[in-house]
Amino acid sequence: MRKLLRALLGITVPIALCLGVIYVAIPRPDEVETAQLGDATELPGGAGATLVGSPDGTWTATEGWVGYRVIEDYARLSDTIEGYGRTDAVRADMVIDNLTVTSLHATADMTQLRSQRDLRDRAIRVRYLETDTHPEAGFRLTESVPLDPLPQPGVVTDFTVAGELELRGVTRPVTVDLRARWDGDDIHVVGGAPVRLSDFDIERPDIAAFVEVSDDATFEFELTLTSA
């Protein structure tokens, strides 16, 4: 009996120590909040300035990012981590005509996707998103969005829009909740939408039943667009 106990301890203790080392070695990510947008504290022209006219015209992104959030379940350690990744290699154009958003199209370079873990980034690029074959992801508006009443400059307005998301060569309809603020020369937009990885034929990462990724993920973005 004692020999059996010693044998079991000889097996289980190293395994436990190994898992403990793995757990400690897992980099705990910095807290990365979802994109936020509030009312402007000051408009172009200084405090008390007012804007005239309308946001009609063509707008082009001058900065921004597109990213994702997923829940990683470390089953053997009874722990979960929110993984995220972002790329700032983004192109986007928006057309507003007669106070109606008639076109919005954004493209992101997924080969530039980065998270808080190099191993995750390599796995996503090589195996899950296959960015050598599908280097870009895209979103386009599928229904016009009336801006009625006229947005107040510097004030955030909430919208729910219908569009299509292309990821890994697969296109699916999505409903996006977004917040927008018109500051005269710029329009700031943040938003996101829940997606299922399986809808885009993306195999969920599962590393030896140790790390499993939820099928539910979040697509999110932040853009600053300037009048063309």
Protein backbone atom coordinates (compact mmCIF):
# COMPACT_ATOMS: atom_id res chain seq x y z
CA MET A 1 0.00 0.00 0.00
CA ARG A 2 2.80 2.39 0.91
CA LYS A 3 4.55 1.59 -2.36
CA LEU A 4 1.35 2.39 -4.23
CA LEU A 5 0.97 5.72 -2.43
CA ARG A 6 4.58 6.62 -3.17
CA ALA A 7 4.07 5.73 -6.81
CA LEU A 8 0.93 7.84 -7.06
CA LEU A 9 2.64 10.77 -5.37
CA GLY A 10 5.55 10.36 -7.74
CA ILE A 11 3.16 10.88 -10.64
CA THR A 12 0.67 13.43 -9.31
CA VAL A 13 3.05 15.80 -7.54
CA PRO A 14 5.16 16.54 -10.66
CA ILE A 15 1.96 17.03 -12.68
CA ALA A 16 0.58 19.44 -10.09
CA LEU A 17 3.87 21.31 -9.96
CA CYS A 18 3.95 21.46 -13.75
CA LEU A 19 0.44 22.88 -13.93
CA GLY A 20 1.35 25.39 -11.27
CA VAL A 21 4.36 26.52 -13.25
CA ILE A 22 2.24 26.79 -16.39
CA TYR A 23 -0.36 28.84 -14.52
CA VAL A 24 2.25 31.23 -13.12
CA ALA A 25 3.84 31.49 -16.56
CA ILE A 26 0.58 32.54 -18.17
CA PRO A 27 0.95 36.30 -18.67
CA ARG A 28 -1.92 38.06 -16.96
CA PRO A 29 -3.14 40.60 -19.50
CA ASP A 30 -3.40 44.26 -18.75
CA GLU A 31 -6.98 45.38 -18.44
CA VAL A 32 -7.98 46.65 -21.87
CA GLU A 33 -11.33 48.35 -21.81
CA THR A 34 -13.72 48.37 -24.72
CA ALA A 35 -13.69 51.56 -26.78
CA GLN A 36 -15.44 54.44 -25.06
CA LEU A 37 -16.84 57.67 -26.50
CA GLY A 38 -18.31 60.61 -24.62
CA ASP A 39 -19.51 64.09 -25.45
CA ALA A 40 -16.81 66.52 -26.56
CA THR A 41 -15.51 68.90 -23.91
CA GLU A 42 -14.60 71.50 -26.52
CA LEU A 43 -15.38 71.98 -30.20
CA PRO A 44 -13.06 73.36 -32.89
CA GLY A 45 -12.81 77.11 -32.41
CA GLY A 46 -12.55 76.99 -28.64
CA ALA A 47 -14.95 76.96 -25.72
CA GLY A 48 -18.45 78.07 -26.59
CA ALA A 49 -17.94 77.57 -30.32
CA THR A 50 -20.83 76.33 -32.43
CA LEU A 51 -20.82 74.47 -35.72
CA VAL A 52 -23.03 75.22 -38.68
CA GLY A 53 -23.89 73.16 -41.72
CA SER A 54 -24.31 69.40 -41.81
CA PRO A 55 -22.13 66.29 -41.79
CA ASP A 56 -23.01 65.55 -45.43
CA GLY A 57 -20.03 64.48 -47.52
CA THR A 58 -17.37 61.81 -47.83
CA TRP A 59 -15.39 60.87 -44.75
CA THR A 60 -12.14 58.87 -44.64
CA ALA A 61 -10.54 57.19 -41.65
CA THR A 62 -7.31 58.84 -40.51
CA GLU A 63 -6.78 56.61 -37.48
CA GLY A 64 -8.41 53.75 -35.66
CA TRP A 65 -8.30 50.04 -34.97
CA VAL A 66 -10.32 46.86 -35.39
CA GLY A 67 -10.17 44.01 -32.91
CA TYR A 68 -11.72 41.05 -31.17
CA ARG A 69 -12.41 39.76 -27.67
CA VAL A 70 -12.75 36.09 -26.69
CA ILE A 71 -12.98 34.14 -23.45
CA GLU A 72 -10.21 31.57 -22.93
CA ASP A 73 -11.07 28.83 -20.47
CA TYR A 74 -8.11 27.21 -18.71
CA ALA A 75 -10.14 24.19 -17.66
CA ARG A 76 -7.43 22.39 -15.72
CA LEU A 77 -6.79 25.51 -13.67
CA SER A 78 -10.40 26.61 -13.18
CA ASP A 79 -9.56 30.01 -14.61
CA THR A 80 -10.72 32.15 -17.52
CA ILE A 81 -8.99 35.02 -19.29
CA GLU A 82 -10.42 37.56 -21.71
CA GLY A 83 -8.17 37.52 -24.73
CA TYR A 84 -8.11 40.40 -27.14
CA GLY A 85 -6.34 41.42 -30.32
CA ARG A 86 -6.23 44.59 -32.39
CA THR A 87 -4.87 45.88 -35.66
CA ASP A 88 -4.47 49.56 -36.44
CA ALA A 89 -3.90 48.86 -40.14
CA VAL A 90 -7.40 50.00 -41.08
CA ARG A 91 -8.96 51.70 -44.08
CA ALA A 92 -12.50 53.09 -43.95
CA ASP A 93 -14.75 55.40 -45.93
CA MET A 94 -18.22 56.73 -45.14
CA VAL A 95 -20.65 58.73 -47.26
CA ILE A 96 -23.40 60.89 -45.76
CA ASP A 97 -25.95 62.26 -48.22
CA ASN A 98 -28.95 64.36 -47.26
CA LEU A 99 -28.39 63.50 -43.57
CA THR A 100 -28.35 59.76 -44.33
CA VAL A 101 -25.37 57.44 -44.04
CA THR A 102 -25.57 55.73 -47.42
CA SER A 103 -22.23 53.92 -47.38
CA LEU A 104 -19.74 52.71 -44.80
CA HIS A 105 -16.97 50.31 -45.64
CA ALA A 106 -13.98 49.33 -43.52
CA THR A 107 -11.10 46.95 -44.22
CA ALA A 108 -8.55 45.69 -41.70
CA ASP A 109 -5.17 44.07 -42.33
CA MET A 110 -5.39 40.94 -40.18
CA THR A 111 -1.72 40.10 -40.69
CA GLN A 112 -1.04 43.02 -38.32
CA LEU A 113 -3.34 41.66 -35.60
CA ARG A 114 -1.63 41.78 -32.20
CA SER A 115 -2.67 40.70 -28.71
CA GLN A 116 -0.94 40.39 -25.34
CA ARG A 117 0.50 36.99 -26.34
CA ASP A 118 2.82 36.15 -29.21
CA LEU A 119 1.80 32.47 -29.15
CA ARG A 120 -1.86 33.39 -29.57
CA ASP A 121 -1.02 35.76 -32.42
CA ARG A 122 0.92 33.11 -34.31
CA ALA A 123 -1.80 30.51 -33.82
CA ILE A 124 -4.49 32.90 -35.02
CA ARG A 125 -2.53 33.96 -38.08
CA VAL A 126 -1.33 30.50 -39.11
CA ARG A 127 -4.18 28.20 -38.12
CA TYR A 128 -7.41 29.95 -37.22
CA LEU A 129 -7.66 33.03 -39.45
CA GLU A 130 -5.13 31.77 -42.02
CA THR A 131 -4.04 35.30 -42.80
CA ASP A 132 -1.62 34.18 -45.51
CA THR A 133 -4.70 33.14 -47.49
CA HIS A 134 -7.18 35.66 -46.06
CA PRO A 135 -5.12 38.73 -45.10
CA GLU A 136 -8.06 41.13 -44.77
CA ALA A 137 -11.33 41.35 -42.90
CA GLY A 138 -14.06 43.75 -43.92
CA PHE A 139 -17.31 45.34 -42.85
CA ARG A 140 -19.86 47.14 -44.97
CA LEU A 141 -23.18 48.77 -44.26
CA THR A 142 -26.15 47.01 -45.87
CA GLU A 143 -28.91 49.45 -44.90
CA SER A 144 -28.86 53.25 -44.99
CA VAL A 145 -28.94 55.03 -41.63
CA PRO A 146 -31.00 58.25 -41.41
CA LEU A 147 -29.50 60.95 -39.18
CA ASP A 148 -32.82 62.32 -38.02
CA PRO A 149 -32.87 64.59 -36.15
CA LEU A 150 -29.65 66.36 -37.12
CA PRO A 151 -26.84 65.23 -34.79
CA GLN A 152 -25.75 67.91 -32.36
CA PRO A 153 -22.05 68.74 -32.74
CA GLY A 154 -19.98 67.36 -29.91
CA VAL A 155 -22.81 65.17 -28.61
CA VAL A 156 -22.70 61.37 -28.77
CA THR A 157 -25.51 59.65 -30.66
CA ASP A 158 -26.26 55.92 -30.43
CA PHE A 159 -27.15 53.84 -33.48
CA THR A 160 -27.89 50.22 -34.33
CA VAL A 161 -26.91 49.39 -37.90
CA ALA A 162 -27.14 46.37 -40.18
CA GLY A 163 -24.11 45.23 -42.10
CA GLU A 164 -21.98 42.36 -43.34
CA LEU A 165 -18.77 41.16 -41.75
CA GLU A 166 -16.22 39.28 -43.84
CA LEU A 167 -13.76 37.18 -41.89
CA ARG A 168 -11.52 34.39 -43.14
CA GLY A 169 -13.19 34.63 -46.54
CA VAL A 170 -16.68 34.07 -45.10
CA THR A 171 -19.32 36.82 -45.07
CA ARG A 172 -22.14 36.91 -42.53
CA PRO A 173 -24.79 39.50 -41.58
CA VAL A 174 -24.20 41.33 -38.30
CA THR A 175 -26.03 43.92 -36.25
CA VAL A 176 -23.65 46.52 -34.86
CA ASP A 177 -24.25 48.85 -31.93
CA LEU A 178 -22.22 52.01 -32.34
CA ARG A 179 -21.75 55.46 -30.87
CA ALA A 180 -20.82 58.42 -33.04
CA ARG A 181 -19.85 62.03 -32.41
CA TRP A 182 -19.56 64.76 -35.04
CA ASP A 183 -16.99 67.41 -34.13
CA GLY A 184 -17.05 69.43 -37.33
CA ASP A 185 -13.88 68.30 -39.12
CA ASP A 186 -13.99 64.82 -37.60
CA ILE A 187 -16.48 62.07 -36.87
CA HIS A 188 -15.55 59.65 -34.10
CA VAL A 189 -17.16 56.21 -34.14
CA VAL A 190 -16.86 53.27 -31.74
CA GLY A 191 -18.84 50.07 -31.83
CA GLY A 192 -19.00 46.33 -31.73
CA ALA A 193 -21.07 43.24 -32.37
CA PRO A 194 -21.28 39.71 -30.96
CA VAL A 195 -20.20 36.99 -33.40
CA ARG A 196 -19.84 33.23 -33.35
CA LEU A 197 -16.53 31.87 -34.58
CA SER A 198 -18.23 28.80 -36.03
CA ASP A 199 -20.36 31.04 -38.26
CA PHE A 200 -17.14 31.99 -40.05
CA ASP A 201 -15.84 28.41 -40.22
CA ILE A 202 -13.19 29.25 -37.62
CA GLU A 203 -12.04 26.27 -35.61
CA ARG A 204 -12.06 27.15 -31.93
CA PRO A 205 -8.61 26.84 -30.38
CA ASP A 206 -8.41 23.87 -28.01
CA ILE A 207 -4.90 23.06 -26.84
CA ALA A 208 -4.80 19.51 -25.47
CA ALA A 209 -8.02 20.15 -23.56
CA PHE A 210 -6.03 22.63 -21.46
CA VAL A 211 -7.09 25.89 -23.10
CA GLU A 212 -10.47 26.15 -24.79
CA VAL A 213 -11.84 29.26 -26.47
CA SER A 214 -15.53 30.12 -26.38
CA ASP A 215 -17.42 30.11 -29.67
CA ASP A 216 -18.86 33.49 -28.69
CA ALA A 217 -16.62 36.45 -29.48
CA THR A 218 -16.91 40.20 -29.90
CA PHE A 219 -15.90 42.19 -32.98
CA GLU A 220 -15.09 45.80 -32.03
CA PHE A 221 -13.64 48.92 -33.58
CA GLU A 222 -12.79 52.58 -33.11
CA LEU A 223 -12.45 55.03 -35.99
CA THR A 224 -11.74 58.71 -36.49
CA LEU A 225 -12.96 59.88 -39.89
CA THR A 226 -12.05 63.20 -41.50
CA SER A 227 -13.93 65.05 -44.21
CA ALA A 228 -12.37 64.25 -47.56
